[in-house]
N, C-alpha and C. Protein backbone atom coordinates (compact mmCIF):
# COMPACT_ATOMS: atom_id res chain seq x y z
N MET A 1 74.19 35.47 -74.27
CA MET A 1 75.48 35.23 -74.89
C MET A 1 76.31 36.51 -74.85
N PRO A 2 77.60 36.41 -74.55
CA PRO A 2 78.43 37.62 -74.45
C PRO A 2 78.68 38.24 -75.82
N ASN A 3 78.81 39.54 -75.84
CA ASN A 3 79.09 40.27 -77.06
C ASN A 3 80.60 40.49 -77.13
N LEU A 4 81.26 39.94 -78.14
CA LEU A 4 82.71 40.04 -78.27
C LEU A 4 83.09 41.32 -79.01
N SER A 5 84.12 41.99 -78.50
CA SER A 5 84.61 43.17 -79.20
C SER A 5 85.75 42.75 -80.15
N VAL A 6 85.96 43.56 -81.16
CA VAL A 6 86.98 43.28 -82.17
C VAL A 6 87.97 44.43 -82.18
N MET A 7 89.27 44.08 -82.27
CA MET A 7 90.30 45.11 -82.35
C MET A 7 91.38 44.69 -83.34
N ILE A 8 92.19 45.66 -83.73
CA ILE A 8 93.30 45.37 -84.64
C ILE A 8 94.32 44.53 -83.88
N HIS A 9 94.69 43.40 -84.46
CA HIS A 9 95.66 42.49 -83.85
C HIS A 9 97.06 42.72 -84.42
N THR A 10 97.18 42.78 -85.73
CA THR A 10 98.50 43.00 -86.34
C THR A 10 98.37 43.97 -87.51
N ILE A 11 99.45 44.70 -87.73
CA ILE A 11 99.56 45.61 -88.87
C ILE A 11 100.89 45.34 -89.55
N LYS A 12 100.84 45.22 -90.87
CA LYS A 12 102.07 45.10 -91.67
C LYS A 12 102.10 46.27 -92.63
N ILE A 13 103.23 46.93 -92.68
CA ILE A 13 103.41 48.08 -93.57
C ILE A 13 104.72 47.88 -94.33
N GLU A 14 104.69 48.13 -95.62
CA GLU A 14 105.91 48.05 -96.41
C GLU A 14 105.99 49.24 -97.36
N ASN A 15 107.11 49.96 -97.29
CA ASN A 15 107.44 51.08 -98.19
C ASN A 15 106.52 52.29 -98.03
N PHE A 16 106.15 52.61 -96.81
CA PHE A 16 105.33 53.80 -96.57
C PHE A 16 106.18 54.86 -95.88
N LYS A 17 106.44 55.94 -96.58
CA LYS A 17 107.23 57.07 -96.08
C LYS A 17 108.56 56.58 -95.51
N SER A 18 108.83 56.78 -94.22
CA SER A 18 110.12 56.37 -93.65
C SER A 18 110.11 54.91 -93.17
N ILE A 19 109.01 54.21 -93.36
CA ILE A 19 108.88 52.83 -92.89
C ILE A 19 109.19 51.87 -94.04
N ARG A 20 110.34 51.22 -93.95
CA ARG A 20 110.72 50.25 -94.99
C ARG A 20 109.84 49.01 -94.91
N LYS A 21 109.84 48.38 -93.72
CA LYS A 21 109.04 47.18 -93.52
C LYS A 21 108.85 46.97 -92.03
N VAL A 22 107.60 46.78 -91.61
CA VAL A 22 107.31 46.56 -90.21
C VAL A 22 106.11 45.62 -90.08
N ASP A 23 106.16 44.78 -89.06
CA ASP A 23 105.08 43.86 -88.74
C ASP A 23 104.87 43.98 -87.23
N ILE A 24 103.76 44.60 -86.82
CA ILE A 24 103.54 44.93 -85.41
C ILE A 24 102.29 44.24 -84.89
N LYS A 25 102.44 43.59 -83.74
CA LYS A 25 101.28 43.04 -83.03
C LYS A 25 100.85 44.09 -82.02
N LEU A 26 99.59 44.46 -82.07
CA LEU A 26 99.08 45.50 -81.17
C LEU A 26 98.40 44.89 -79.95
N ASN A 27 98.39 45.68 -78.89
CA ASN A 27 97.72 45.33 -77.65
C ASN A 27 96.58 46.33 -77.43
N PRO A 28 95.75 46.12 -76.40
CA PRO A 28 94.68 47.09 -76.16
C PRO A 28 95.19 48.52 -75.95
N ILE A 29 96.37 48.67 -75.34
CA ILE A 29 97.00 49.98 -75.19
C ILE A 29 98.40 49.89 -75.76
N ASN A 30 98.77 50.85 -76.63
CA ASN A 30 100.07 50.87 -77.28
C ASN A 30 100.68 52.25 -77.13
N ILE A 31 101.99 52.29 -76.90
CA ILE A 31 102.71 53.54 -76.77
C ILE A 31 103.84 53.55 -77.79
N LEU A 32 103.90 54.62 -78.57
CA LEU A 32 104.97 54.76 -79.56
C LEU A 32 106.08 55.62 -78.97
N ILE A 33 107.27 55.06 -78.89
CA ILE A 33 108.43 55.78 -78.35
C ILE A 33 109.56 55.64 -79.37
N GLY A 34 110.23 56.75 -79.63
CA GLY A 34 111.37 56.69 -80.54
C GLY A 34 111.94 58.07 -80.77
N ALA A 35 113.11 58.07 -81.35
CA ALA A 35 113.79 59.33 -81.67
C ALA A 35 113.04 60.08 -82.76
N ASN A 36 113.36 61.36 -82.91
CA ASN A 36 112.80 62.14 -84.02
C ASN A 36 113.17 61.46 -85.33
N GLY A 37 112.21 61.37 -86.23
CA GLY A 37 112.46 60.75 -87.54
C GLY A 37 112.42 59.24 -87.53
N ALA A 38 112.01 58.63 -86.42
CA ALA A 38 111.98 57.16 -86.34
C ALA A 38 110.77 56.55 -87.04
N GLY A 39 109.73 57.36 -87.30
CA GLY A 39 108.56 56.84 -88.01
C GLY A 39 107.28 56.79 -87.20
N LYS A 40 107.28 57.38 -86.01
CA LYS A 40 106.07 57.36 -85.17
C LYS A 40 104.90 58.05 -85.87
N SER A 41 105.13 59.24 -86.38
CA SER A 41 104.06 59.98 -87.07
C SER A 41 103.65 59.28 -88.35
N ASN A 42 104.61 58.67 -89.03
CA ASN A 42 104.28 57.95 -90.26
C ASN A 42 103.45 56.70 -89.97
N PHE A 43 103.72 56.07 -88.84
CA PHE A 43 102.90 54.92 -88.44
C PHE A 43 101.46 55.37 -88.23
N ILE A 44 101.26 56.48 -87.54
CA ILE A 44 99.92 57.03 -87.34
C ILE A 44 99.34 57.47 -88.69
N GLY A 45 100.17 58.05 -89.54
CA GLY A 45 99.72 58.47 -90.87
C GLY A 45 99.22 57.33 -91.73
N PHE A 46 99.70 56.11 -91.46
CA PHE A 46 99.24 54.94 -92.20
C PHE A 46 97.74 54.74 -92.01
N PHE A 47 97.23 55.08 -90.82
CA PHE A 47 95.79 54.96 -90.57
C PHE A 47 95.00 55.97 -91.40
N LYS A 48 95.60 57.13 -91.67
CA LYS A 48 94.96 58.11 -92.55
C LYS A 48 94.87 57.56 -93.97
N LEU A 49 95.93 56.89 -94.41
CA LEU A 49 95.91 56.25 -95.72
C LEU A 49 94.82 55.18 -95.77
N LEU A 50 94.75 54.33 -94.74
CA LEU A 50 93.70 53.30 -94.69
C LEU A 50 92.31 53.92 -94.76
N ASN A 51 92.13 55.02 -94.04
CA ASN A 51 90.83 55.71 -94.05
C ASN A 51 90.50 56.21 -95.45
N GLN A 52 91.48 56.76 -96.15
CA GLN A 52 91.22 57.26 -97.50
C GLN A 52 90.95 56.13 -98.48
N LEU A 53 91.58 54.98 -98.28
CA LEU A 53 91.25 53.82 -99.11
C LEU A 53 89.81 53.40 -98.87
N TYR A 54 89.41 53.41 -97.61
CA TYR A 54 88.02 53.07 -97.26
C TYR A 54 87.03 54.06 -97.88
N LEU A 55 87.38 55.34 -97.84
CA LEU A 55 86.50 56.39 -98.38
C LEU A 55 86.62 56.56 -99.89
N GLN A 56 87.47 55.75 -100.52
CA GLN A 56 87.74 55.80 -101.96
C GLN A 56 88.30 57.16 -102.36
N GLY A 57 89.19 57.68 -101.52
CA GLY A 57 89.80 58.98 -101.77
C GLY A 57 91.29 58.90 -101.98
N LEU A 58 91.77 57.80 -102.57
CA LEU A 58 93.21 57.60 -102.72
C LEU A 58 93.87 58.70 -103.52
N GLN A 59 93.33 59.07 -104.68
CA GLN A 59 93.98 60.06 -105.55
C GLN A 59 94.07 61.42 -104.87
N SER A 60 93.03 61.80 -104.16
CA SER A 60 93.04 63.06 -103.42
C SER A 60 94.10 63.02 -102.33
N TYR A 61 94.19 61.91 -101.61
CA TYR A 61 95.18 61.74 -100.54
C TYR A 61 96.60 61.84 -101.11
N VAL A 62 96.83 61.17 -102.22
CA VAL A 62 98.18 61.18 -102.83
C VAL A 62 98.56 62.59 -103.25
N SER A 63 97.66 63.30 -103.91
CA SER A 63 97.99 64.65 -104.38
C SER A 63 98.16 65.62 -103.20
N GLN A 64 97.35 65.48 -102.16
CA GLN A 64 97.47 66.37 -101.00
C GLN A 64 98.75 66.12 -100.20
N ASN A 65 99.36 64.94 -100.39
CA ASN A 65 100.58 64.60 -99.67
C ASN A 65 101.82 64.64 -100.56
N GLY A 66 101.75 65.34 -101.68
CA GLY A 66 102.93 65.55 -102.51
C GLY A 66 103.24 64.47 -103.52
N GLY A 67 102.33 63.58 -103.77
CA GLY A 67 102.54 62.56 -104.79
C GLY A 67 103.18 61.29 -104.26
N ALA A 68 103.34 60.34 -105.16
CA ALA A 68 103.87 59.02 -104.82
C ALA A 68 105.28 59.10 -104.26
N ASP A 69 106.09 60.01 -104.80
CA ASP A 69 107.47 60.12 -104.32
C ASP A 69 107.54 60.45 -102.84
N ASN A 70 106.59 61.20 -102.32
CA ASN A 70 106.58 61.54 -100.88
C ASN A 70 105.98 60.43 -100.02
N LEU A 71 105.21 59.54 -100.61
CA LEU A 71 104.56 58.49 -99.84
C LEU A 71 105.33 57.18 -99.85
N LEU A 72 106.12 56.95 -100.88
CA LEU A 72 106.90 55.72 -100.98
C LEU A 72 108.25 55.87 -100.29
N TYR A 73 108.72 54.81 -99.69
CA TYR A 73 110.00 54.78 -99.00
C TYR A 73 111.12 55.16 -99.98
N PHE A 74 111.74 56.31 -99.78
CA PHE A 74 112.78 56.88 -100.65
C PHE A 74 112.32 57.05 -102.10
N GLY A 75 111.04 57.22 -102.32
CA GLY A 75 110.50 57.56 -103.64
C GLY A 75 110.26 56.39 -104.57
N ARG A 76 109.77 56.71 -105.76
CA ARG A 76 109.38 55.70 -106.75
C ARG A 76 110.54 54.88 -107.27
N LYS A 77 111.72 55.49 -107.38
CA LYS A 77 112.87 54.76 -107.94
C LYS A 77 113.35 53.66 -107.00
N ARG A 78 113.23 53.90 -105.71
CA ARG A 78 113.69 52.92 -104.72
C ARG A 78 112.60 51.92 -104.36
N SER A 79 111.35 52.36 -104.31
CA SER A 79 110.24 51.52 -103.87
C SER A 79 109.11 51.58 -104.90
N PRO A 80 108.94 50.55 -105.70
CA PRO A 80 107.91 50.57 -106.74
C PRO A 80 106.49 50.32 -106.23
N PHE A 81 106.34 49.97 -104.95
CA PHE A 81 105.02 49.68 -104.41
C PHE A 81 104.95 50.06 -102.95
N LEU A 82 103.72 50.12 -102.44
CA LEU A 82 103.43 50.34 -101.02
C LEU A 82 102.38 49.30 -100.67
N SER A 83 102.60 48.57 -99.60
CA SER A 83 101.60 47.57 -99.22
C SER A 83 101.30 47.62 -97.74
N GLY A 84 100.13 47.11 -97.40
CA GLY A 84 99.71 47.07 -96.01
C GLY A 84 98.75 45.94 -95.74
N SER A 85 98.68 45.56 -94.50
CA SER A 85 97.79 44.49 -94.07
C SER A 85 97.32 44.80 -92.66
N VAL A 86 96.04 44.60 -92.42
CA VAL A 86 95.47 44.80 -91.09
C VAL A 86 94.66 43.54 -90.77
N VAL A 87 94.94 42.95 -89.60
CA VAL A 87 94.24 41.74 -89.16
C VAL A 87 93.52 42.06 -87.86
N PHE A 88 92.27 41.67 -87.79
CA PHE A 88 91.43 41.91 -86.62
C PHE A 88 91.17 40.61 -85.88
N HIS A 89 91.19 40.67 -84.55
CA HIS A 89 90.84 39.53 -83.70
C HIS A 89 89.78 39.98 -82.70
N ASN A 90 89.07 39.00 -82.15
CA ASN A 90 88.11 39.32 -81.10
C ASN A 90 88.75 39.13 -79.73
N ASP A 91 87.97 39.25 -78.67
CA ASP A 91 88.48 39.12 -77.30
C ASP A 91 89.12 37.76 -77.03
N LYS A 92 88.69 36.76 -77.77
CA LYS A 92 89.22 35.40 -77.57
C LYS A 92 90.43 35.13 -78.49
N GLN A 93 90.95 36.19 -79.10
CA GLN A 93 92.10 36.10 -80.01
C GLN A 93 91.81 35.25 -81.24
N GLU A 94 90.55 35.24 -81.67
CA GLU A 94 90.17 34.53 -82.89
C GLU A 94 90.14 35.51 -84.05
N LEU A 95 90.68 35.09 -85.18
CA LEU A 95 90.66 35.91 -86.38
C LEU A 95 89.22 36.20 -86.78
N THR A 96 88.90 37.48 -87.01
CA THR A 96 87.56 37.82 -87.47
C THR A 96 87.58 38.40 -88.88
N ASN A 97 88.48 39.36 -89.14
CA ASN A 97 88.55 40.00 -90.46
C ASN A 97 90.00 40.35 -90.79
N LYS A 98 90.24 40.55 -92.09
CA LYS A 98 91.56 41.03 -92.51
C LYS A 98 91.41 41.83 -93.79
N TYR A 99 92.38 42.71 -94.00
CA TYR A 99 92.38 43.56 -95.19
C TYR A 99 93.83 43.73 -95.64
N ASN A 100 94.10 43.48 -96.93
CA ASN A 100 95.43 43.63 -97.51
C ASN A 100 95.31 44.48 -98.77
N PHE A 101 96.34 45.26 -99.05
CA PHE A 101 96.34 46.04 -100.29
C PHE A 101 97.78 46.25 -100.76
N THR A 102 97.91 46.51 -102.05
CA THR A 102 99.18 46.90 -102.65
C THR A 102 98.90 48.06 -103.59
N LEU A 103 99.64 49.14 -103.42
CA LEU A 103 99.57 50.30 -104.31
C LEU A 103 100.84 50.35 -105.14
N LYS A 104 100.70 50.67 -106.41
CA LYS A 104 101.87 50.83 -107.28
C LYS A 104 101.90 52.25 -107.81
N SER A 105 103.09 52.69 -108.13
CA SER A 105 103.25 54.04 -108.67
C SER A 105 103.12 54.02 -110.18
N ASP A 106 102.73 55.15 -110.74
CA ASP A 106 102.67 55.29 -112.19
C ASP A 106 103.63 56.39 -112.63
N THR A 107 103.66 56.70 -113.90
CA THR A 107 104.60 57.70 -114.43
C THR A 107 104.20 59.12 -114.09
N LYS A 108 102.99 59.33 -113.55
CA LYS A 108 102.51 60.67 -113.21
C LYS A 108 102.66 60.98 -111.73
N ASN A 109 103.55 60.25 -111.02
CA ASN A 109 103.79 60.47 -109.61
C ASN A 109 102.53 60.25 -108.76
N SER A 110 101.72 59.30 -109.19
CA SER A 110 100.51 58.96 -108.45
C SER A 110 100.57 57.48 -108.07
N LEU A 111 99.59 57.03 -107.33
CA LEU A 111 99.50 55.62 -106.93
C LEU A 111 98.16 55.07 -107.39
N PHE A 112 98.16 53.79 -107.72
CA PHE A 112 96.91 53.12 -108.06
C PHE A 112 96.84 51.80 -107.30
N LEU A 113 95.64 51.35 -107.07
CA LEU A 113 95.40 50.11 -106.33
C LEU A 113 95.66 48.93 -107.25
N GLU A 114 96.77 48.23 -107.01
CA GLU A 114 97.09 47.06 -107.83
C GLU A 114 96.38 45.82 -107.32
N GLN A 115 96.32 45.68 -106.00
CA GLN A 115 95.72 44.49 -105.40
C GLN A 115 95.04 44.88 -104.11
N GLU A 116 93.87 44.30 -103.89
CA GLU A 116 93.12 44.54 -102.67
C GLU A 116 92.36 43.28 -102.31
N LYS A 117 92.52 42.83 -101.07
CA LYS A 117 91.83 41.63 -100.61
C LYS A 117 91.28 41.88 -99.22
N SER A 118 90.11 41.35 -98.99
CA SER A 118 89.56 41.37 -97.65
C SER A 118 89.02 39.98 -97.36
N GLY A 119 88.98 39.64 -96.10
CA GLY A 119 88.50 38.32 -95.74
C GLY A 119 87.85 38.35 -94.39
N TYR A 120 87.09 37.33 -94.11
CA TYR A 120 86.43 37.19 -92.83
C TYR A 120 86.50 35.73 -92.43
N ASN A 121 86.31 35.48 -91.16
CA ASN A 121 86.32 34.13 -90.63
C ASN A 121 84.89 33.60 -90.67
N PRO A 122 84.62 32.63 -91.54
CA PRO A 122 83.24 32.12 -91.64
C PRO A 122 82.74 31.49 -90.35
N VAL A 123 83.65 30.99 -89.51
CA VAL A 123 83.23 30.44 -88.22
C VAL A 123 82.60 31.54 -87.38
N MET A 124 83.22 32.73 -87.40
CA MET A 124 82.67 33.85 -86.63
C MET A 124 81.31 34.26 -87.17
N VAL A 125 81.18 34.27 -88.52
CA VAL A 125 79.89 34.62 -89.11
C VAL A 125 78.86 33.58 -88.70
N GLY A 126 79.24 32.30 -88.71
CA GLY A 126 78.33 31.24 -88.29
C GLY A 126 77.89 31.41 -86.85
N ARG A 127 78.84 31.83 -86.00
CA ARG A 127 78.50 32.05 -84.59
C ARG A 127 77.53 33.22 -84.45
N ASN A 128 77.73 34.25 -85.24
CA ASN A 128 76.83 35.40 -85.18
C ASN A 128 75.44 35.03 -85.65
N ILE A 129 75.35 34.21 -86.69
CA ILE A 129 74.05 33.76 -87.18
C ILE A 129 73.38 32.90 -86.12
N PHE A 130 74.16 32.01 -85.49
CA PHE A 130 73.62 31.19 -84.42
C PHE A 130 73.10 32.07 -83.29
N ARG A 131 73.89 33.10 -82.91
CA ARG A 131 73.49 34.02 -81.85
C ARG A 131 72.17 34.70 -82.20
N LEU A 132 72.01 35.11 -83.47
CA LEU A 132 70.79 35.77 -83.91
C LEU A 132 69.59 34.82 -83.77
N PHE A 133 69.73 33.59 -84.26
CA PHE A 133 68.64 32.64 -84.16
C PHE A 133 68.34 32.30 -82.70
N TYR A 134 69.39 32.20 -81.89
CA TYR A 134 69.20 31.92 -80.46
C TYR A 134 68.38 33.03 -79.80
N LEU A 135 68.75 34.29 -80.09
CA LEU A 135 68.02 35.42 -79.50
C LEU A 135 66.57 35.45 -79.97
N LEU A 136 66.35 35.20 -81.25
CA LEU A 136 64.98 35.20 -81.78
C LEU A 136 64.15 34.07 -81.18
N ALA A 137 64.74 32.87 -81.13
CA ALA A 137 64.00 31.72 -80.60
C ALA A 137 63.69 31.90 -79.13
N THR A 138 64.62 32.48 -78.38
CA THR A 138 64.40 32.72 -76.95
C THR A 138 63.33 33.78 -76.74
N LYS A 139 63.42 34.86 -77.52
CA LYS A 139 62.46 35.95 -77.36
C LYS A 139 61.04 35.50 -77.70
N TYR A 140 60.92 34.77 -78.80
CA TYR A 140 59.58 34.38 -79.26
C TYR A 140 59.19 32.97 -78.83
N LYS A 141 60.07 32.29 -78.09
CA LYS A 141 59.80 30.94 -77.59
C LYS A 141 59.26 30.06 -78.70
N SER A 142 60.02 30.01 -79.79
CA SER A 142 59.54 29.31 -80.98
C SER A 142 60.51 28.22 -81.43
N ASP A 143 60.01 27.00 -81.53
CA ASP A 143 60.81 25.92 -82.08
C ASP A 143 60.92 26.05 -83.60
N ARG A 144 59.98 26.75 -84.21
CA ARG A 144 60.01 26.93 -85.66
C ARG A 144 61.27 27.69 -86.09
N ILE A 145 61.69 28.66 -85.28
CA ILE A 145 62.90 29.42 -85.59
C ILE A 145 64.11 28.50 -85.57
N TRP A 146 64.19 27.59 -84.59
CA TRP A 146 65.30 26.64 -84.54
C TRP A 146 65.27 25.71 -85.75
N LEU A 147 64.10 25.27 -86.15
CA LEU A 147 64.00 24.40 -87.33
C LEU A 147 64.47 25.14 -88.58
N THR A 148 64.15 26.44 -88.69
CA THR A 148 64.63 27.24 -89.82
C THR A 148 66.14 27.31 -89.81
N TYR A 149 66.73 27.53 -88.64
CA TYR A 149 68.19 27.58 -88.51
C TYR A 149 68.81 26.25 -88.93
N LEU A 150 68.29 25.15 -88.40
CA LEU A 150 68.83 23.83 -88.73
C LEU A 150 68.69 23.54 -90.22
N TYR A 151 67.55 23.90 -90.80
CA TYR A 151 67.36 23.69 -92.23
C TYR A 151 68.40 24.44 -93.05
N ARG A 152 68.64 25.71 -92.70
CA ARG A 152 69.62 26.52 -93.44
C ARG A 152 71.02 25.99 -93.28
N VAL A 153 71.38 25.55 -92.10
CA VAL A 153 72.73 25.01 -91.87
C VAL A 153 72.90 23.72 -92.65
N CYS A 154 71.92 22.83 -92.59
CA CYS A 154 72.04 21.53 -93.27
C CYS A 154 71.98 21.67 -94.79
N SER A 155 71.19 22.58 -95.30
CA SER A 155 71.05 22.72 -96.75
C SER A 155 72.22 23.48 -97.37
N SER A 156 73.04 24.15 -96.57
CA SER A 156 74.16 24.90 -97.13
C SER A 156 75.39 24.03 -97.34
N LYS A 157 75.36 22.79 -96.89
CA LYS A 157 76.54 21.91 -97.03
C LYS A 157 76.45 21.05 -98.25
């Protein structure tokens, strides 16, 4: 069975630095072109923010970047929140995973996680489980493994 790779399909950013609102579909190769101050570096900087959310280092990231006023589009008075969404697809353009978040500012010029959601495509998980049982049954030439798979699939409904 072929091994499918997963890549970022779309990114949505709202109120991050110079980026008011953007919804971008990515390709395997992407080139950022624009005038100075157009937001190219801020778009790349969004991945640093995502990484810090993953590492649970939001407060450190905010303080190292000058506080919420420097991270929000025209500051806290103009933009009360910062949000983002990342959607992943496989080679067949099937949804595999997604991650959404919303950060809000507080009175101390910091940001806190107001909302965070992640999701996965259960069909893809089912396919991966099927692939695992297929590989095991083929390797060990065992019908018992297939019966275990069928039992688990039927009993989960």
